Amino acid sequence: MISALRKTLAGLAVVAACVPAAHAQVNSKNQGYLVVGPNFDVVTAVGGTVCVRTSDWTPARAAAAEACKQCTPDLCPVPPAPKPAAKPEAKPEAKPEAKPAAKPKPEIQNVELKIELQGIPFNKTEMTADNKKELDEFLAKEVKPLTTVGAVIITGHTDRIGSDKYNKTLSEKRALGVKDYVVSKGIDQKLIFWEGKGPKQPIPVTKFCENKMKRAQLIECLAPNRRVTVEVVGTMMPPPPKPKPEAKPEMKK
């Protein structure tokens, strides 16, 4: 069987050698092989499994022939592996929008206010017109703006003329008179605490008022002690910061 195959191949080789050169030049599809027909189909032998080669056959031509897979599959160029499909670029995860930093809440400030209504007439409990004016301004300009009023302490005082018992009662009446006036201005009386101190807390400057003075002169000298002190304890929100002034455009030279 093998010897018969060799004889067939030898005969085909002889035929291939006799193929005109001009025909080989025309063969552009399967150079190096014996071809037939307008499509340059390769002539095969031995049951169609062996391609008949011509004298100009080379491995390079065999690899370039259209019939490469049919005749010499081991010489055929390996097609490049298909490129993997490009993966879509992963979109960066959207970062959550940064929330603006919360503005710190302003701290409530504790406030202590005080006024002394001096010069109440000798042996009297009523405030003077000047005392009322001072107290009205104090309540309107200083107490009213408070966020909260925690307590109002009213203390009555007297000079040292007279007995301690009498002066204690007189100072309490002075404190009560101011207390009623403050309540009439809208202050809750539940927040008010009052007392009378008599002559126990004199104004320091009155230490120079000597008892050997004439009575009218001594009464005038001790006038600052005849007073009512009003103290207010409360809270207040700090004022908002002032806006910065806009920068003025520079003057062109």
C-alpha atoms as a PDB file:
ATOM      1  CA  MET A   1       0.000   0.000   0.000  1.00  0.00           C
ATOM      2  CA  ILE A   2       2.783   2.395   0.908  1.00  0.00           C
ATOM      3  CA  SER A   3       4.682   1.626  -2.295  1.00  0.00           C
ATOM      4  CA  ALA A   4       1.577   2.361  -4.390  1.00  0.00           C
ATOM      5  CA  LEU A   5       1.208   5.749  -2.638  1.00  0.00           C
ATOM      6  CA  ARG A   6       4.824   6.563  -3.394  1.00  0.00           C
ATOM      7  CA  LYS A   7       4.346   5.733  -7.085  1.00  0.00           C
ATOM      8  CA  THR A   8       1.282   7.961  -7.271  1.00  0.00           C
ATOM      9  CA  LEU A   9       3.073  10.860  -5.647  1.00  0.00           C
ATOM     10  CA  ALA A  10       6.052  10.422  -7.915  1.00  0.00           C
ATOM     11  CA  GLY A  11       3.815  10.495 -10.965  1.00  0.00           C
ATOM     12  CA  LEU A  12       2.088  13.644  -9.744  1.00  0.00           C
ATOM     13  CA  ALA A  13       5.427  15.281  -9.129  1.00  0.00           C
ATOM     14  CA  VAL A  14       6.400  14.592 -12.720  1.00  0.00           C
ATOM     15  CA  VAL A  15       3.142  16.138 -13.901  1.00  0.00           C
ATOM     16  CA  ALA A  16       3.666  19.140 -11.655  1.00  0.00           C
ATOM     17  CA  ALA A  17       7.154  19.601 -13.023  1.00  0.00           C
ATOM     18  CA  CYS A  18       5.756  19.747 -16.533  1.00  0.00           C
ATOM     19  CA  VAL A  19       3.231  22.510 -15.720  1.00  0.00           C
ATOM     20  CA  PRO A  20       4.054  25.608 -17.814  1.00  0.00           C
ATOM     21  CA  ALA A  21       5.649  28.481 -15.933  1.00  0.00           C
ATOM     22  CA  ALA A  22       3.171  30.914 -17.390  1.00  0.00           C
ATOM     23  CA  HIS A  23       0.308  29.015 -15.758  1.00  0.00           C
ATOM     24  CA  ALA A  24       2.099  29.186 -12.391  1.00  0.00           C
ATOM     25  CA  GLN A  25       2.383  32.939 -12.644  1.00  0.00           C
ATOM     26  CA  VAL A  26      -1.323  33.279 -13.232  1.00  0.00           C
ATOM     27  CA  ASN A  27      -1.965  31.178 -10.155  1.00  0.00           C
ATOM     28  CA  SER A  28      -2.219  33.883  -7.511  1.00  0.00           C
ATOM     29  CA  LYS A  29      -4.368  32.052  -4.982  1.00  0.00           C
ATOM     30  CA  ASN A  30      -2.557  28.750  -4.527  1.00  0.00           C
ATOM     31  CA  GLN A  31       1.013  29.224  -5.683  1.00  0.00           C
ATOM     32  CA  GLY A  32       3.129  26.089  -5.362  1.00  0.00           C
ATOM     33  CA  TYR A  33       0.238  23.743  -6.125  1.00  0.00           C
ATOM     34  CA  LEU A  34      -1.157  22.210  -9.291  1.00  0.00           C
ATOM     35  CA  VAL A  35      -4.478  23.972  -9.884  1.00  0.00           C
ATOM     36  CA  VAL A  36      -7.390  23.636 -12.282  1.00  0.00           C
ATOM     37  CA  GLY A  37     -10.319  25.781 -13.284  1.00  0.00           C
ATOM     38  CA  PRO A  38     -10.886  29.506 -13.107  1.00  0.00           C
ATOM     39  CA  ASN A  39     -10.875  29.412  -9.316  1.00  0.00           C
ATOM     40  CA  PHE A  40      -7.416  27.817  -9.173  1.00  0.00           C
ATOM     41  CA  ASP A  41      -8.686  24.834  -7.201  1.00  0.00           C
ATOM     42  CA  VAL A  42      -5.835  22.607  -5.960  1.00  0.00           C
ATOM     43  CA  VAL A  43      -5.505  19.203  -7.648  1.00  0.00           C
ATOM     44  CA  THR A  44      -5.512  16.390  -5.101  1.00  0.00           C
ATOM     45  CA  ALA A  45      -4.608  12.763  -5.222  1.00  0.00           C
ATOM     46  CA  VAL A  46      -4.941   9.632  -3.093  1.00  0.00           C
ATOM     47  CA  GLY A  47      -8.607  10.023  -2.333  1.00  0.00           C
ATOM     48  CA  GLY A  48      -8.472  13.803  -2.252  1.00  0.00           C
ATOM     49  CA  THR A  49      -6.177  13.938   0.765  1.00  0.00           C
ATOM     50  CA  VAL A  50      -2.846  14.894  -0.878  1.00  0.00           C
ATOM     51  CA  CYS A  51      -2.408  18.232  -2.690  1.00  0.00           C
ATOM     52  CA  VAL A  52      -0.230  18.054  -5.825  1.00  0.00           C
ATOM     53  CA  ARG A  53       2.708  20.410  -5.482  1.00  0.00           C
ATOM     54  CA  THR A  54       4.578  22.149  -8.303  1.00  0.00           C
ATOM     55  CA  SER A  55       8.306  22.640  -8.562  1.00  0.00           C
ATOM     56  CA  ASP A  56       8.046  26.184  -7.102  1.00  0.00           C
ATOM     57  CA  TRP A  57       6.329  24.996  -3.874  1.00  0.00           C
ATOM     58  CA  THR A  58       7.816  26.443  -0.717  1.00  0.00           C
ATOM     59  CA  PRO A  59       6.583  26.405   2.888  1.00  0.00           C
ATOM     60  CA  ALA A  60       6.067  30.189   2.711  1.00  0.00           C
ATOM     61  CA  ARG A  61       3.809  29.840  -0.365  1.00  0.00           C
ATOM     62  CA  ALA A  62       1.999  26.958   1.243  1.00  0.00           C
ATOM     63  CA  ALA A  63       1.294  29.121   4.302  1.00  0.00           C
ATOM     64  CA  ALA A  64       0.012  31.965   2.052  1.00  0.00           C
ATOM     65  CA  ALA A  65      -2.180  29.714  -0.147  1.00  0.00           C
ATOM     66  CA  GLU A  66      -5.934  29.771   0.230  1.00  0.00           C
ATOM     67  CA  ALA A  67      -5.843  25.983   0.425  1.00  0.00           C
ATOM     68  CA  CYS A  68      -3.400  26.052   3.319  1.00  0.00           C
ATOM     69  CA  LYS A  69      -5.807  24.453   5.802  1.00  0.00           C
ATOM     70  CA  GLN A  70      -6.631  21.769   3.164  1.00  0.00           C
ATOM     71  CA  CYS A  71      -3.075  20.963   2.140  1.00  0.00           C
ATOM     72  CA  THR A  72      -0.668  21.909   4.949  1.00  0.00           C
ATOM     73  CA  PRO A  73      -2.648  22.810   8.068  1.00  0.00           C
ATOM     74  CA  ASP A  74       0.480  22.673  10.195  1.00  0.00           C
ATOM     75  CA  LEU A  75       2.014  25.522   8.179  1.00  0.00           C
ATOM     76  CA  CYS A  76      -0.989  27.818   8.263  1.00  0.00           C
ATOM     77  CA  PRO A  77      -0.493  31.024  10.259  1.00  0.00           C
ATOM     78  CA  VAL A  78      -2.323  31.019  13.547  1.00  0.00           C
ATOM     79  CA  PRO A  79      -4.883  33.809  13.538  1.00  0.00           C
ATOM     80  CA  PRO A  80      -4.351  36.264  16.373  1.00  0.00           C
ATOM     81  CA  ALA A  81      -6.524  35.640  19.345  1.00  0.00           C
ATOM     82  CA  PRO A  82      -9.437  38.049  19.435  1.00  0.00           C
ATOM     83  CA  LYS A  83      -8.898  40.940  21.745  1.00  0.00           C
ATOM     84  CA  PRO A  84     -11.070  40.782  24.824  1.00  0.00           C
ATOM     85  CA  ALA A  85     -13.873  43.205  24.701  1.00  0.00           C
ATOM     86  CA  ALA A  86     -12.904  46.380  26.449  1.00  0.00           C
ATOM     87  CA  LYS A  87     -14.594  46.608  29.749  1.00  0.00           C
ATOM     88  CA  PRO A  88     -16.492  49.827  30.243  1.00  0.00           C
ATOM     89  CA  GLU A  89     -14.631  52.131  32.539  1.00  0.00           C
ATOM     90  CA  ALA A  90     -16.033  51.943  35.972  1.00  0.00           C
ATOM     91  CA  LYS A  91     -17.539  55.230  36.853  1.00  0.00           C
ATOM     92  CA  PRO A  92     -16.192  56.583  40.122  1.00  0.00           C
ATOM     93  CA  GLU A  93     -18.716  56.361  42.845  1.00  0.00           C
ATOM     94  CA  ALA A  94     -20.339  59.660  43.398  1.00  0.00           C
ATOM     95  CA  LYS A  95     -19.158  61.047  46.684  1.00  0.00           C
ATOM     96  CA  PRO A  96     -21.917  62.355  48.886  1.00  0.00           C
ATOM     97  CA  GLU A  97     -22.005  66.090  48.904  1.00  0.00           C
ATOM     98  CA  ALA A  98     -20.284  67.461  51.943  1.00  0.00           C
ATOM     99  CA  LYS A  99     -22.792  69.089  54.198  1.00  0.00           C
ATOM    100  CA  PRO A 100     -21.828  72.540  55.339  1.00  0.00           C
ATOM    101  CA  ALA A 101     -20.506  72.533  58.858  1.00  0.00           C
ATOM    102  CA  ALA A 102     -23.182  73.419  61.316  1.00  0.00           C
ATOM    103  CA  LYS A 103     -22.681  76.842  62.748  1.00  0.00           C
ATOM    104  CA  PRO A 104     -22.006  76.704  66.464  1.00  0.00           C
ATOM    105  CA  LYS A 105     -24.925  77.913  68.485  1.00  0.00           C
ATOM    106  CA  PRO A 106     -24.120  81.058  70.430  1.00  0.00           C
ATOM    107  CA  GLU A 107     -23.867  80.440  74.140  1.00  0.00           C
ATOM    108  CA  ILE A 108     -26.338  82.228  76.361  1.00  0.00           C
ATOM    109  CA  GLN A 109     -24.643  84.757  78.611  1.00  0.00           C
ATOM    110  CA  ASN A 110     -25.500  85.317  82.253  1.00  0.00           C
ATOM    111  CA  VAL A 111     -26.163  88.942  83.017  1.00  0.00           C
ATOM    112  CA  GLU A 112     -26.240  90.912  86.271  1.00  0.00           C
ATOM    113  CA  LEU A 113     -27.629  94.455  86.199  1.00  0.00           C
ATOM    114  CA  LYS A 114     -27.810  97.014  88.991  1.00  0.00           C
ATOM    115  CA  ILE A 115     -29.081 100.530  89.607  1.00  0.00           C
ATOM    116  CA  GLU A 116     -29.145 102.672  92.756  1.00  0.00           C
ATOM    117  CA  LEU A 117     -31.983 105.164  93.097  1.00  0.00           C
ATOM    118  CA  GLN A 118     -30.423 107.714  95.470  1.00  0.00           C
ATOM    119  CA  GLY A 119     -31.717 110.889  97.063  1.00  0.00           C
ATOM    120  CA  ILE A 120     -35.115 109.744  98.309  1.00  0.00           C
ATOM    121  CA  PRO A 121     -36.467 112.573 100.511  1.00  0.00           C
ATOM    122  CA  PHE A 122     -35.702 112.417 104.231  1.00  0.00           C
ATOM    123  CA  ASN A 123     -38.226 110.337 106.175  1.00  0.00           C
ATOM    124  CA  LYS A 124     -40.161 109.571 102.959  1.00  0.00           C
ATOM    125  CA  THR A 125     -40.822 106.332 101.032  1.00  0.00           C
ATOM    126  CA  GLU A 126     -41.747 107.661  97.585  1.00  0.00           C
ATOM    127  CA  MET A 127     -39.228 107.953  94.761  1.00  0.00           C
ATOM    128  CA  THR A 128     -38.482 111.338  93.281  1.00  0.00           C
ATOM    129  CA  ALA A 129     -39.297 112.197  89.636  1.00  0.00           C
ATOM    130  CA  ASP A 130     -35.614 111.740  88.805  1.00  0.00           C
ATOM    131  CA  ASN A 131     -35.656 108.320  90.498  1.00  0.00           C
ATOM    132  CA  LYS A 132     -38.606 107.216  88.337  1.00  0.00           C
ATOM    133  CA  LYS A 133     -36.943 108.494  85.153  1.00  0.00           C
ATOM    134  CA  GLU A 134     -33.741 106.596  85.954  1.00  0.00           C
ATOM    135  CA  LEU A 135     -35.688 103.421  86.731  1.00  0.00           C
ATOM    136  CA  ASP A 136     -37.767 103.689  83.528  1.00  0.00           C
ATOM    137  CA  GLU A 137     -34.627 103.972  81.410  1.00  0.00           C
ATOM    138  CA  PHE A 138     -33.020 101.064  83.277  1.00  0.00           C
ATOM    139  CA  LEU A 139     -36.023  98.800  82.657  1.00  0.00           C
ATOM    140  CA  ALA A 140     -36.406  99.782  78.996  1.00  0.00           C
ATOM    141  CA  LYS A 141     -32.780  99.811  77.869  1.00  0.00           C
ATOM    142  CA  GLU A 142     -31.177  97.138  80.030  1.00  0.00           C
ATOM    143  CA  VAL A 143     -33.796  94.779  81.437  1.00  0.00           C
ATOM    144  CA  LYS A 144     -36.196  94.527  78.497  1.00  0.00           C
ATOM    145  CA  PRO A 145     -33.560  93.235  76.010  1.00  0.00           C
ATOM    146  CA  LEU A 146     -32.768  90.271  78.294  1.00  0.00           C
ATOM    147  CA  THR A 147     -33.707  86.838  76.938  1.00  0.00           C
ATOM    148  CA  THR A 148     -34.949  85.775  80.364  1.00  0.00           C
ATOM    149  CA  VAL A 149     -35.264  87.459  83.746  1.00  0.00           C
ATOM    150  CA  GLY A 150     -34.398  85.099  86.560  1.00  0.00           C
ATOM    151  CA  ALA A 151     -34.816  87.335  89.566  1.00  0.00           C
ATOM    152  CA  VAL A 152     -35.206  90.956  90.648  1.00  0.00           C
ATOM    153  CA  ILE A 153     -33.764  91.881  94.070  1.00  0.00           C
ATOM    154  CA  ILE A 154     -34.957  95.179  95.553  1.00  0.00           C
ATOM    155  CA  THR A 155     -33.263  96.498  98.702  1.00  0.00           C
ATOM    156  CA  GLY A 156     -34.306  99.602 100.663  1.00  0.00           C
ATOM    157  CA  HIS A 157     -31.807 101.721 102.617  1.00  0.00           C
ATOM    158  CA  THR A 158     -31.867 104.691 105.021  1.00  0.00           C
ATOM    159  CA  ASP A 159     -29.390 107.112 106.517  1.00  0.00           C
ATOM    160  CA  ARG A 160     -28.238 106.728 110.132  1.00  0.00           C
ATOM    161  CA  ILE A 161     -30.456 109.409 111.598  1.00  0.00           C
ATOM    162  CA  GLY A 162     -33.103 107.810 113.818  1.00  0.00           C
ATOM    163  CA  SER A 163     -33.403 104.471 115.589  1.00  0.00           C
ATOM    164  CA  ASP A 164     -32.444 101.212 113.917  1.00  0.00           C
ATOM    165  CA  LYS A 165     -35.971  99.822 114.326  1.00  0.00           C
ATOM    166  CA  TYR A 166     -37.571 102.849 112.715  1.00  0.00           C
ATOM    167  CA  ASN A 167     -35.071 102.882 109.891  1.00  0.00           C
ATOM    168  CA  LYS A 168     -35.567  99.149 109.272  1.00  0.00           C
ATOM    169  CA  THR A 169     -39.283  99.688 108.751  1.00  0.00           C
ATOM    170  CA  LEU A 170     -38.676 102.793 106.617  1.00  0.00           C
ATOM    171  CA  SER A 171     -36.248 100.942 104.366  1.00  0.00           C
ATOM    172  CA  GLU A 172     -38.758  98.088 103.849  1.00  0.00           C
ATOM    173  CA  LYS A 173     -41.458 100.558 102.824  1.00  0.00           C
ATOM    174  CA  ARG A 174     -39.092 102.124 100.313  1.00  0.00           C
ATOM    175  CA  ALA A 175     -38.335  98.682  98.857  1.00  0.00           C
ATOM    176  CA  LEU A 176     -42.061  97.852  98.628  1.00  0.00           C
ATOM    177  CA  GLY A 177     -42.772 101.135  96.853  1.00  0.00           C
ATOM    178  CA  VAL A 178     -40.182 100.373  94.171  1.00  0.00           C
ATOM    179  CA  LYS A 179     -41.422  96.792  93.929  1.00  0.00           C
ATOM    180  CA  ASP A 180     -44.964  97.931  93.139  1.00  0.00           C
ATOM    181  CA  TYR A 181     -43.630 100.359  90.544  1.00  0.00           C
ATOM    182  CA  VAL A 182     -41.590  97.629  88.832  1.00  0.00           C
ATOM    183  CA  VAL A 183     -44.601  95.299  88.752  1.00  0.00           C
ATOM    184  CA  SER A 184     -46.619  98.080  87.094  1.00  0.00           C
ATOM    185  CA  LYS A 185     -44.003  98.097  84.318  1.00  0.00           C
ATOM    186  CA  GLY A 186     -44.617  94.446  83.466  1.00  0.00           C
ATOM    187  CA  ILE A 187     -42.171  92.531  85.675  1.00  0.00           C
ATOM    188  CA  ASP A 188     -43.695  89.345  87.129  1.00  0.00           C
ATOM    189  CA  GLN A 189     -43.948  89.842  90.892  1.00  0.00           C
ATOM    190  CA  LYS A 190     -43.109  86.150  91.383  1.00  0.00           C
ATOM    191  CA  LEU A 191     -39.582  86.991  90.285  1.00  0.00           C
ATOM    192  CA  ILE A 192     -39.176  89.841  92.776  1.00  0.00           C
ATOM    193  CA  PHE A 193     -37.445  89.537  96.155  1.00  0.00           C
ATOM    194  CA  TRP A 194     -37.321  92.560  98.450  1.00  0.00           C
ATOM    195  CA  GLU A 195     -35.963  93.537 101.869  1.00  0.00           C
ATOM    196  CA  GLY A 196     -35.012  96.534 103.984  1.00  0.00           C
ATOM    197  CA  LYS A 197     -31.476  96.992 105.329  1.00  0.00           C
ATOM    198  CA  GLY A 198     -31.971 100.216 107.306  1.00  0.00           C
ATOM    199  CA  PRO A 199     -28.663 102.111 107.740  1.00  0.00           C
ATOM    200  CA  LYS A 200     -26.430  98.987 107.677  1.00  0.00           C
ATOM    201  CA  GLN A 201     -24.943  99.530 104.195  1.00  0.00           C
ATOM    202  CA  PRO A 202     -24.074 103.227 103.896  1.00  0.00           C
ATOM    203  CA  ILE A 203     -22.441 104.711 100.817  1.00  0.00           C
ATOM    204  CA  PRO A 204     -18.676 104.989 101.628  1.00  0.00           C
ATOM    205  CA  VAL A 205     -18.469 108.711 100.898  1.00  0.00           C
ATOM    206  CA  THR A 206     -20.959 109.516 103.647  1.00  0.00           C
ATOM    207  CA  LYS A 207     -18.401 108.581 106.306  1.00  0.00           C
ATOM    208  CA  PHE A 208     -17.267 112.180 106.087  1.00  0.00           C
ATOM    209  CA  CYS A 209     -20.716 113.406 107.210  1.00  0.00           C
ATOM    210  CA  GLU A 210     -20.091 114.305 110.888  1.00  0.00           C
ATOM    211  CA  ASN A 211     -22.867 114.368 113.491  1.00  0.00           C
ATOM    212  CA  LYS A 212     -21.668 117.746 114.746  1.00  0.00           C
ATOM    213  CA  MET A 213     -22.965 119.281 111.517  1.00  0.00           C
ATOM    214  CA  LYS A 214     -26.150 121.252 111.598  1.00  0.00           C
ATOM    215  CA  ARG A 215     -29.153 118.948 111.162  1.00  0.00           C
ATOM    216  CA  ALA A 216     -30.158 120.279 107.733  1.00  0.00           C
ATOM    217  CA  GLN A 217     -26.551 120.053 106.598  1.00  0.00           C
ATOM    218  CA  LEU A 218     -26.226 116.494 107.925  1.00  0.00           C
ATOM    219  CA  ILE A 219     -29.460 115.402 106.244  1.00  0.00           C
ATOM    220  CA  GLU A 220     -28.179 116.780 102.923  1.00  0.00           C
ATOM    221  CA  CYS A 221     -24.802 115.112 103.392  1.00  0.00           C
ATOM    222  CA  LEU A 222     -26.407 111.722 104.059  1.00  0.00           C
ATOM    223  CA  ALA A 223     -28.791 111.933 101.071  1.00  0.00           C
ATOM    224  CA  PRO A 224     -26.953 109.226  99.028  1.00  0.00           C
ATOM    225  CA  ASN A 225     -27.797 106.679 101.747  1.00  0.00           C
ATOM    226  CA  ARG A 226     -31.507 107.241 101.349  1.00  0.00           C
ATOM    227  CA  ARG A 227     -31.883 104.947  98.357  1.00  0.00           C
ATOM    228  CA  VAL A 228     -33.285 101.760  96.852  1.00  0.00           C
ATOM    229  CA  THR A 229     -31.049  99.316  95.022  1.00  0.00           C
ATOM    230  CA  VAL A 230     -32.524  97.272  92.135  1.00  0.00           C
ATOM    231  CA  GLU A 231     -30.554  94.242  90.931  1.00  0.00           C
ATOM    232  CA  VAL A 232     -31.614  92.030  88.029  1.00  0.00           C
ATOM    233  CA  VAL A 233     -30.209  88.582  87.231  1.00  0.00           C
ATOM    234  CA  GLY A 234     -31.001  87.056  83.831  1.00  0.00           C
ATOM    235  CA  THR A 235     -29.666  85.712  80.551  1.00  0.00           C
ATOM    236  CA  MET A 236     -29.058  87.243  77.156  1.00  0.00           C
ATOM    237  CA  MET A 237     -28.164  85.948  73.715  1.00  0.00           C
ATOM    238  CA  PRO A 238     -24.996  87.565  72.364  1.00  0.00           C
ATOM    239  CA  PRO A 239     -25.590  90.031  69.535  1.00  0.00           C
ATOM    240  CA  PRO A 240     -25.041  88.680  65.982  1.00  0.00           C
ATOM    241  CA  PRO A 241     -21.628  89.450  64.486  1.00  0.00           C
ATOM    242  CA  LYS A 242     -21.495  92.578  62.420  1.00  0.00           C
ATOM    243  CA  PRO A 243     -21.118  91.957  58.663  1.00  0.00           C
ATOM    244  CA  LYS A 244     -17.697  92.727  57.285  1.00  0.00           C
ATOM    245  CA  PRO A 245     -17.606  95.910  55.198  1.00  0.00           C
ATOM    246  CA  GLU A 246     -17.253  95.310  51.482  1.00  0.00           C
ATOM    247  CA  ALA A 247     -13.780  95.956  50.116  1.00  0.00           C
ATOM    248  CA  LYS A 248     -13.667  99.141  48.120  1.00  0.00           C
ATOM    249  CA  PRO A 249     -12.338  98.776  44.562  1.00  0.00           C
ATOM    250  CA  GLU A 250      -8.815 100.073  44.160  1.00  0.00           C
ATOM    251  CA  MET A 251      -8.530 103.389  42.416  1.00  0.00           C
ATOM    252  CA  LYS A 252      -6.768 103.134  39.089  1.00  0.00           C
ATOM    253  CA  LYS A 253      -3.708 105.306  38.861  1.00  0.00           C
END
